[in-house]
Amino acid sequence: MHYPLLLATLGFLVNLAFSKSPHEKLLVVSYDGFRFDYLNLNITPHLNSLKKSSTYAKCLLNVFPTQTYVNHFSLATGLYSESHGVIGNSVYDKEKQKLLYYSYDLFHYNKNVIPIWALNERAGKGRHSGVWMWAGGEYEYGGVNATFTQPYVENMPWKESADKALSWFLHPKTPANLVMLYFDEPDNQSHSSGPATISERTREQIKKVDNITKYIVDYLKKNDLEDVNVVFLSDHGMEGISLDQIIDLTEFVGNRTDMYGASPVLQIYPKPGQSTRKVYKLLQAGANKNKHFKVYLKRNIPYHFRIKNCKRTAPIIAVADPPYGFQDYYKSIRWQIENRGESPTGFYGIHGYDPLTISMHPYFIAHGPLFRKNYAAGVLRTVDMYPLFAHVLKLKSPRFKPNGSFFGVKSIFRHL
């Protein structure tokens, strides 16, 4: 017998076995801006085939405003925006007297919040998290960082992203049992040419999304990772907008205010010496005349928006009706025209509207040993994803109380 060869082979197998986490494993893949009805366009054969062996939702009911940082942080925390404080992709913080863009401060309004990757790390016993380009993923929470992190890098090849993120499941010393993986399409292209329902270029990006889905599933099979439970989802949908659908709020209030945020939701602060009530009345008169936007005093913001009880929420907010936007969007469209050669008479993409707006709804597919097969789950909620993730990973509830509930997702599991 060739004992050295036999021992070497056994050693390789042992190392392979121990390079996988002994804990329940979860991969969460987000395709930014993937609207729920894109699966009905007959251009996603791999995703549609995956549905037959998976649980799938009619759509996800996401949180307000239906923007990227907001909803990715809600997916990771189970909280509405008023609770985690990320009430926009950019937020004016009155207490700090500054406009917050992507930063540690943006994601640390509530110091008690522990995202799912930090909760997994805190559970110990060899649990490790990897966060690939997910909003807020590179920061510490409660003194805990993910073992593996990759901040957002524009134009990184998709297969390179998938290979590196999925390799964390096989790390020889600290194999991950949770990986959060983010891709910035079809959102990126949609902003230039509109949603896939009206744009061939956006449909090409959706085909690319479909192909990377197959690549991910094949990678798991080839690397003995079929015990990984995978959730494919998105943060928001997309609506089409043209230049003639932009509303200039300064026509109604002049220079009486400072406006922050991004269409279709603007955070409005009256300038020193200006009355909040007077500014609101001027904007309300404009809304009554224009009929394509709504304006709210903070105390009158609709309950289902769930941003009223947040110190970061402005005294007045304006919300455009789909498919309209405000004057800040001229800058975005001008950038698309100057840098991407888009037509001034074309369509662009916009999102952020009321979560009840159908075009804002993302998709959801859950695949793996813990999930039911070919099961239509109806409408699920973004805030219920945190309890779902925690259940898959067998994690105890965090000290803070998520707004989401396991009750909303328990039907998708094969066994409880």
Protein backbone atom coordinates (compact mmCIF):
# COMPACT_ATOMS: atom_id res chain seq x y z
CA MET A 1 0.00 0.00 0.00
CA HIS A 2 1.14 3.52 -0.70
CA TYR A 3 0.80 4.71 2.89
CA PRO A 4 2.29 8.19 2.28
CA LEU A 5 -0.20 8.77 -0.53
CA LEU A 6 -3.05 7.41 1.56
CA LEU A 7 -2.13 9.60 4.50
CA ALA A 8 -1.79 12.64 2.26
CA THR A 9 -5.24 11.99 0.80
CA LEU A 10 -6.77 11.53 4.23
CA GLY A 11 -5.09 14.70 5.39
CA PHE A 12 -6.52 16.62 2.45
CA LEU A 13 -10.02 15.33 3.19
CA VAL A 14 -9.71 16.22 6.86
CA ASN A 15 -8.54 19.72 6.01
CA LEU A 16 -11.41 20.09 3.55
CA ALA A 17 -13.90 18.97 6.18
CA PHE A 18 -12.53 21.38 8.75
CA SER A 19 -12.45 24.30 6.29
CA LYS A 20 -16.24 24.46 6.49
CA SER A 21 -18.09 25.91 9.43
CA PRO A 22 -19.92 23.36 11.60
CA HIS A 23 -22.80 25.82 12.02
CA GLU A 24 -25.86 26.39 9.85
CA LYS A 25 -24.75 28.38 6.84
CA LEU A 26 -26.49 31.25 5.07
CA LEU A 27 -25.72 33.24 1.93
CA VAL A 28 -27.74 36.39 1.25
CA VAL A 29 -27.43 37.83 -2.27
CA SER A 30 -28.83 41.26 -3.09
CA TYR A 31 -29.28 42.53 -6.65
CA ASP A 32 -29.85 46.26 -6.25
CA GLY A 33 -33.04 47.56 -7.87
CA PHE A 34 -34.36 44.16 -9.01
CA ARG A 35 -38.09 44.74 -9.26
CA PHE A 36 -40.41 41.85 -8.41
CA ASP A 37 -41.98 41.67 -11.88
CA TYR A 38 -38.65 41.38 -13.69
CA LEU A 39 -39.07 37.63 -13.23
CA ASN A 40 -42.02 37.84 -15.64
CA LEU A 41 -40.03 39.27 -18.57
CA ASN A 42 -38.88 35.87 -19.91
CA ILE A 43 -35.20 36.85 -19.65
CA THR A 44 -34.30 35.11 -16.35
CA PRO A 45 -34.32 31.35 -17.08
CA HIS A 46 -31.96 30.48 -14.21
CA LEU A 47 -33.84 32.46 -11.56
CA ASN A 48 -37.17 31.13 -12.78
CA SER A 49 -35.85 27.58 -12.79
CA LEU A 50 -34.55 28.12 -9.26
CA LYS A 51 -38.06 29.01 -8.10
CA LYS A 52 -39.20 25.44 -8.77
CA SER A 53 -36.88 24.09 -6.08
CA SER A 54 -37.27 27.07 -3.76
CA THR A 55 -39.62 29.30 -1.82
CA TYR A 56 -40.49 32.51 -3.64
CA ALA A 57 -42.54 35.55 -2.71
CA LYS A 58 -44.97 37.52 -4.82
CA CYS A 59 -42.82 40.47 -3.70
CA LEU A 60 -41.19 42.08 -0.69
CA LEU A 61 -42.92 44.99 1.05
CA ASN A 62 -39.95 47.23 1.80
CA VAL A 63 -39.49 50.31 4.00
CA PHE A 64 -39.71 54.05 3.41
CA PRO A 65 -37.96 55.69 1.71
CA THR A 66 -37.43 52.88 -0.77
CA GLN A 67 -33.75 53.67 -1.24
CA THR A 68 -30.60 51.54 -1.17
CA TYR A 69 -28.87 52.28 2.13
CA VAL A 70 -32.20 52.48 3.94
CA ASN A 71 -33.48 49.08 2.85
CA HIS A 72 -30.18 47.23 2.99
CA PHE A 73 -29.83 48.32 6.60
CA SER A 74 -33.43 47.29 7.29
CA LEU A 75 -32.71 43.88 5.76
CA ALA A 76 -29.69 43.58 8.07
CA THR A 77 -31.41 44.81 11.25
CA GLY A 78 -35.13 44.05 10.98
CA LEU A 79 -35.90 47.71 11.72
CA TYR A 80 -37.85 50.48 10.06
CA SER A 81 -35.86 53.57 9.14
CA GLU A 82 -37.11 55.60 12.12
CA SER A 83 -35.56 52.98 14.42
CA HIS A 84 -32.16 52.51 12.76
CA GLY A 85 -31.90 56.16 11.69
CA VAL A 86 -30.84 55.64 8.07
CA ILE A 87 -33.77 57.61 6.70
CA GLY A 88 -32.13 58.27 3.32
CA ASN A 89 -29.00 57.68 1.30
CA SER A 90 -27.96 61.07 2.68
CA VAL A 91 -29.37 62.58 5.86
CA TYR A 92 -29.05 65.97 7.51
CA ASP A 93 -28.30 65.45 11.19
CA LYS A 94 -29.49 68.54 13.05
CA GLU A 95 -27.74 67.56 16.27
CA LYS A 96 -24.39 67.19 14.50
CA GLN A 97 -25.16 70.17 12.23
CA LYS A 98 -23.93 68.33 9.15
CA LEU A 99 -25.09 66.37 6.15
CA LEU A 100 -24.28 62.69 6.52
CA TYR A 101 -23.33 60.70 3.46
CA TYR A 102 -22.09 57.09 3.53
CA SER A 103 -20.19 56.95 6.83
CA TYR A 104 -19.91 55.42 10.28
CA ASP A 105 -22.16 58.18 11.64
CA LEU A 106 -24.92 57.49 9.12
CA PHE A 107 -25.27 53.90 10.34
CA HIS A 108 -24.87 54.60 14.07
CA TYR A 109 -27.87 56.72 14.96
CA ASN A 110 -29.02 53.92 17.29
CA LYS A 111 -26.01 52.52 19.15
CA ASN A 112 -28.04 49.49 20.34
CA VAL A 113 -28.57 48.15 16.82
CA ILE A 114 -26.67 44.97 15.99
CA PRO A 115 -26.85 43.91 12.31
CA ILE A 116 -27.18 40.22 11.59
CA TRP A 117 -23.48 39.81 10.75
CA ALA A 118 -22.48 41.27 14.14
CA LEU A 119 -25.09 39.16 15.95
CA ASN A 120 -23.62 36.08 14.29
CA GLU A 121 -20.07 37.05 15.35
CA ARG A 122 -21.16 37.75 18.93
CA ALA A 123 -22.65 34.26 19.23
CA GLY A 124 -19.09 32.91 19.10
CA LYS A 125 -18.18 29.22 19.02
CA GLY A 126 -16.48 29.57 15.66
CA ARG A 127 -19.15 31.63 13.91
CA HIS A 128 -17.79 34.07 11.35
CA SER A 129 -19.48 36.58 9.04
CA GLY A 130 -18.45 37.96 5.67
CA VAL A 131 -19.96 41.16 4.26
CA TRP A 132 -19.28 41.97 0.60
CA MET A 133 -20.13 45.57 -0.42
CA TRP A 134 -23.31 45.53 1.72
CA ALA A 135 -24.32 48.98 2.99
CA GLY A 136 -22.84 49.55 6.44
CA GLY A 137 -21.02 46.23 6.45
CA GLU A 138 -17.48 47.50 6.99
CA TYR A 139 -18.21 49.16 10.34
CA GLU A 140 -18.21 47.82 13.89
CA TYR A 141 -21.43 47.52 15.89
CA GLY A 142 -21.39 47.06 19.64
CA GLY A 143 -17.61 46.66 19.42
CA VAL A 144 -17.89 43.81 16.89
CA ASN A 145 -16.73 43.67 13.27
CA ALA A 146 -17.44 41.01 10.67
CA THR A 147 -14.47 38.67 10.20
CA PHE A 148 -14.41 39.44 6.47
CA THR A 149 -15.42 42.73 4.87
CA GLN A 150 -15.21 44.33 1.46
CA PRO A 151 -16.39 47.95 1.08
CA TYR A 152 -18.07 48.98 -2.14
CA VAL A 153 -15.81 49.12 -5.20
CA GLU A 154 -17.28 50.36 -8.45
CA ASN A 155 -17.01 48.17 -11.55
CA MET A 156 -15.46 45.14 -9.87
CA PRO A 157 -15.95 42.09 -12.14
CA TRP A 158 -18.91 40.07 -10.92
CA LYS A 159 -17.27 36.66 -11.01
CA GLU A 160 -14.35 38.04 -9.05
CA SER A 161 -16.79 39.34 -6.43
CA ALA A 162 -18.61 36.01 -6.27
CA ASP A 163 -15.40 33.97 -6.06
CA LYS A 164 -13.89 36.03 -3.27
CA ALA A 165 -17.06 36.32 -1.21
CA LEU A 166 -17.98 32.64 -1.53
CA SER A 167 -14.42 31.58 -0.73
CA TRP A 168 -15.04 32.88 2.79
CA PHE A 169 -17.17 29.77 3.38
CA LEU A 170 -13.99 27.74 2.79
CA HIS A 171 -11.43 29.80 4.68
CA PRO A 172 -8.89 27.41 6.23
CA LYS A 173 -8.83 29.10 9.66
CA THR A 174 -12.03 31.10 10.07
CA PRO A 175 -14.66 29.72 7.66
CA ALA A 176 -17.75 31.89 7.46
CA ASN A 177 -21.22 30.58 8.21
CA LEU A 178 -22.84 33.83 7.03
CA VAL A 179 -22.01 35.77 3.86
CA MET A 180 -23.86 38.88 2.64
CA LEU A 181 -23.14 39.55 -1.05
CA TYR A 182 -24.19 42.70 -2.92
CA PHE A 183 -24.31 43.57 -6.63
CA ASP A 184 -25.16 47.09 -7.85
CA GLU A 185 -27.21 46.04 -10.87
CA PRO A 186 -29.74 46.40 -12.39
CA ASP A 187 -30.04 49.61 -10.32
CA ASN A 188 -27.00 51.30 -11.82
CA GLN A 189 -28.14 50.90 -15.43
CA SER A 190 -31.76 51.62 -14.53
CA HIS A 191 -30.90 55.12 -13.35
CA SER A 192 -29.51 55.85 -16.81
CA SER A 193 -32.18 54.29 -18.99
CA GLY A 194 -35.18 53.46 -16.82
CA PRO A 195 -36.62 50.19 -15.51
CA ALA A 196 -36.42 46.96 -17.51
CA THR A 197 -40.05 47.28 -18.58
CA ILE A 198 -39.01 50.16 -20.85
CA SER A 199 -35.25 49.73 -21.34
CA GLU A 200 -33.38 47.12 -23.36
CA ARG A 201 -30.09 48.11 -21.71
CA THR A 202 -31.55 47.45 -18.27
CA ARG A 203 -32.83 44.08 -19.53
CA GLU A 204 -29.25 43.24 -20.54
CA GLN A 205 -28.15 43.82 -16.96
CA ILE A 206 -30.94 41.56 -15.71
CA LYS A 207 -29.68 38.82 -18.01
CA LYS A 208 -26.25 39.34 -16.46
CA VAL A 209 -27.84 39.04 -13.00
CA ASP A 210 -29.48 35.79 -14.08
CA ASN A 211 -26.14 34.39 -15.29
CA ILE A 212 -24.30 35.27 -12.06
CA THR A 213 -27.11 33.53 -10.16
CA LYS A 214 -26.32 30.31 -12.03
CA TYR A 215 -22.61 30.87 -11.38
CA ILE A 216 -23.24 31.19 -7.63
CA VAL A 217 -25.41 28.08 -7.45
CA ASP A 218 -22.86 26.10 -9.50
CA TYR A 219 -20.01 27.33 -7.27
CA LEU A 220 -21.80 26.01 -4.18
CA LYS A 221 -22.34 22.62 -5.84
CA LYS A 222 -18.74 22.32 -7.03
CA ASN A 223 -17.32 23.20 -3.62
CA ASP A 224 -19.44 20.88 -1.48
CA LEU A 225 -21.47 23.80 -0.14
CA GLU A 226 -24.95 22.57 -0.97
CA ASP A 227 -25.76 22.76 2.74
CA VAL A 228 -25.65 26.55 2.41
CA ASN A 229 -29.11 28.13 2.56
CA VAL A 230 -29.32 30.95 0.02
CA VAL A 231 -31.65 33.95 -0.02
CA PHE A 232 -31.76 35.96 -3.25
CA LEU A 233 -33.52 39.31 -2.84
CA SER A 234 -33.40 43.04 -3.53
CA ASP A 235 -33.83 46.35 -1.76
CA HIS A 236 -36.30 48.19 -3.97
CA GLY A 237 -37.87 48.39 -7.41
CA MET A 238 -37.65 51.15 -10.02
CA GLU A 239 -39.86 53.70 -11.78
CA GLY A 240 -39.29 55.60 -15.02
CA ILE A 241 -39.03 59.39 -15.07
CA SER A 242 -38.49 62.03 -17.77
CA LEU A 243 -37.40 65.67 -17.59
CA ASP A 244 -40.95 66.97 -17.91
CA GLN A 245 -41.92 65.11 -14.71
CA ILE A 246 -39.62 67.11 -12.45
CA ILE A 247 -41.16 69.60 -9.99
CA ASP A 248 -39.18 72.60 -8.75
CA LEU A 249 -40.23 73.24 -5.16
CA THR A 250 -38.35 76.54 -5.07
CA GLU A 251 -41.13 77.96 -7.25
CA PHE A 252 -43.35 77.76 -4.16
CA VAL A 253 -40.95 78.68 -1.33
CA GLY A 254 -38.15 80.61 -2.99
CA ASN A 255 -34.97 80.54 -0.89
CA ARG A 256 -36.74 80.15 2.45
CA THR A 257 -35.53 76.57 3.00
CA ASP A 258 -32.63 74.16 2.90
CA MET A 259 -33.54 70.86 1.23
CA TYR A 260 -31.68 67.60 1.71
CA GLY A 261 -32.07 64.00 0.60
CA ALA A 262 -32.89 62.80 -2.88
CA SER A 263 -35.98 62.61 -5.05
CA PRO A 264 -38.65 61.54 -4.67
CA VAL A 265 -38.27 62.40 -0.94
CA LEU A 266 -36.83 65.71 0.25
CA GLN A 267 -36.12 66.70 3.86
CA ILE A 268 -37.02 70.39 4.26
CA TYR A 269 -35.64 72.73 6.92
CA PRO A 270 -36.86 76.34 7.05
CA LYS A 271 -33.92 78.73 7.20
CA PRO A 272 -33.31 80.74 10.40
CA GLY A 273 -36.05 83.32 10.84
CA GLN A 274 -38.50 81.42 8.64
CA SER A 275 -41.65 79.95 10.17
CA THR A 276 -42.14 76.20 9.75
CA ARG A 277 -45.89 76.76 9.56
CA LYS A 278 -45.56 79.41 6.85
CA VAL A 279 -43.18 77.31 4.76
CA TYR A 280 -45.51 74.33 5.09
CA LYS A 281 -48.52 76.41 3.96
CA LEU A 282 -46.62 77.63 0.90
CA LEU A 283 -45.64 74.09 -0.03
CA GLN A 284 -49.15 72.80 0.63
CA ALA A 285 -50.56 75.45 -1.68
CA GLY A 286 -48.03 74.34 -4.29
CA ALA A 287 -49.05 70.70 -3.83
CA ASN A 288 -52.72 71.60 -4.27
CA LYS A 289 -51.88 73.44 -7.47
CA ASN A 290 -49.41 70.95 -8.92
CA LYS A 291 -51.25 67.77 -7.79
CA HIS A 292 -48.17 65.53 -8.21
CA PHE A 293 -46.60 65.68 -4.76
CA LYS A 294 -47.53 65.69 -1.09
CA VAL A 295 -46.05 67.62 1.80
CA TYR A 296 -46.18 66.71 5.48
CA LEU A 297 -45.35 68.32 8.77
CA LYS A 298 -43.32 65.85 10.80
CA ARG A 299 -46.19 65.09 13.17
CA ASN A 300 -48.51 64.32 10.24
CA ILE A 301 -46.27 61.92 8.32
CA PRO A 302 -48.28 58.75 7.49
CA TYR A 303 -47.77 56.03 10.07
CA HIS A 304 -46.79 53.37 7.54
CA PHE A 305 -43.80 55.47 6.45
CA ARG A 306 -42.34 54.77 9.90
CA ILE A 307 -39.97 57.77 9.96
CA LYS A 308 -41.95 60.16 12.19
CA ASN A 309 -40.35 59.04 15.45
CA CYS A 310 -36.77 59.79 14.47
CA LYS A 311 -34.69 62.78 15.55
CA ARG A 312 -33.16 62.91 12.07
CA THR A 313 -36.50 63.45 10.34
CA ALA A 314 -36.93 67.01 9.10
CA PRO A 315 -39.77 69.28 10.29
CA ILE A 316 -41.25 69.05 6.78
CA ILE A 317 -40.91 66.37 4.13
CA ALA A 318 -42.07 66.45 0.52
CA VAL A 319 -42.87 63.20 -1.31
CA ALA A 320 -43.42 63.13 -5.05
CA ASP A 321 -46.12 60.92 -6.54
CA PRO A 322 -44.88 58.28 -8.99
CA PRO A 323 -43.43 58.90 -11.54
CA TYR A 324 -42.46 62.46 -10.53
CA GLY A 325 -39.37 63.89 -8.84
CA PHE A 326 -38.01 67.19 -7.56
CA GLN A 327 -35.47 69.73 -8.73
CA ASP A 328 -32.51 67.87 -7.20
CA TYR A 329 -32.97 65.23 -9.90
CA TYR A 330 -31.88 67.67 -12.60
CA LYS A 331 -28.33 67.16 -11.32
CA SER A 332 -28.62 63.38 -11.61
CA ILE A 333 -30.07 63.56 -15.12
CA ARG A 334 -27.44 66.09 -16.20
CA TRP A 335 -24.74 63.68 -14.99
CA GLN A 336 -26.31 60.86 -17.02
CA ILE A 337 -26.39 63.07 -20.12
CA GLU A 338 -22.82 64.34 -19.74
CA ASN A 339 -21.12 61.14 -18.59
CA ARG A 340 -23.16 58.38 -20.19
CA GLY A 341 -24.42 60.08 -23.32
CA GLU A 342 -28.08 59.71 -22.40
CA SER A 343 -30.73 61.61 -24.33
CA PRO A 344 -32.36 64.64 -22.67
CA THR A 345 -35.68 63.40 -24.07
CA GLY A 346 -35.30 59.86 -22.73
CA PHE A 347 -36.35 58.04 -19.59
CA TYR A 348 -34.31 57.65 -16.43
CA GLY A 349 -34.79 55.57 -13.31
CA ILE A 350 -35.95 56.69 -9.88
CA HIS A 351 -36.97 55.02 -6.63
CA GLY A 352 -37.76 56.02 -3.05
CA TYR A 353 -41.55 56.32 -3.22
CA ASP A 354 -44.13 55.08 -0.72
CA PRO A 355 -43.51 51.34 -0.10
CA LEU A 356 -47.11 50.66 -1.10
CA THR A 357 -46.19 51.70 -4.66
CA ILE A 358 -46.16 48.48 -6.69
CA SER A 359 -43.17 49.48 -8.83
CA MET A 360 -41.06 49.84 -5.64
CA HIS A 361 -41.45 46.19 -4.62
CA PRO A 362 -38.39 43.88 -4.81
CA TYR A 363 -38.30 40.12 -5.36
CA PHE A 364 -37.41 37.21 -3.03
CA ILE A 365 -36.27 33.60 -3.56
CA ALA A 366 -35.03 31.30 -0.77
CA HIS A 367 -33.17 28.14 -1.78
CA GLY A 368 -31.59 25.42 0.31
CA PRO A 369 -32.17 22.53 2.70
CA LEU A 370 -34.21 24.53 5.22
CA PHE A 371 -36.67 26.06 2.76
CA ARG A 372 -39.78 24.62 1.16
CA LYS A 373 -39.62 23.77 -2.54
CA ASN A 374 -41.80 25.35 -5.23
CA TYR A 375 -43.67 27.25 -2.54
CA ALA A 376 -45.41 30.58 -3.21
CA ALA A 377 -45.14 32.59 -0.03
CA GLY A 378 -47.29 35.58 -1.00
CA VAL A 379 -46.11 39.02 0.13
CA LEU A 380 -43.22 39.08 2.62
CA ARG A 381 -41.73 42.05 4.46
CA THR A 382 -38.21 43.40 4.42
CA VAL A 383 -38.24 43.85 8.22
CA ASP A 384 -38.99 40.12 8.66
CA MET A 385 -35.75 39.11 6.96
CA TYR A 386 -33.70 39.63 10.14
CA PRO A 387 -35.76 37.09 12.12
CA LEU A 388 -35.57 34.78 9.09
CA PHE A 389 -31.76 35.05 8.97
CA ALA A 390 -31.47 34.57 12.73
CA HIS A 391 -33.61 31.44 12.56
CA VAL A 392 -31.49 29.92 9.80
CA LEU A 393 -28.32 30.65 11.77
CA LYS A 394 -29.85 29.49 15.10
CA LEU A 395 -29.10 32.77 16.79
CA LYS A 396 -30.80 34.09 19.88
CA SER A 397 -32.77 37.33 19.67
CA PRO A 398 -30.68 40.49 20.03
CA ARG A 399 -30.98 42.87 22.98
CA PHE A 400 -32.83 45.41 20.84
CA LYS A 401 -36.28 44.41 19.58
CA PRO A 402 -36.59 44.21 15.77
CA ASN A 403 -39.72 45.60 14.17
CA GLY A 404 -39.94 42.43 12.12
CA SER A 405 -41.40 39.13 13.25
CA PHE A 406 -40.59 35.48 12.59
CA PHE A 407 -44.34 34.87 12.33
CA GLY A 408 -44.30 36.55 8.92
CA VAL A 409 -41.78 34.08 7.46
CA LYS A 410 -42.19 30.84 9.36
CA SER A 411 -44.36 29.25 6.65
CA ILE A 412 -41.41 29.15 4.22
CA PHE A 413 -39.46 26.62 6.30
CA ARG A 414 -39.74 22.89 5.71
CA HIS A 415 -39.56 22.00 9.39
CA LEU A 416 -39.94 24.05 12.57
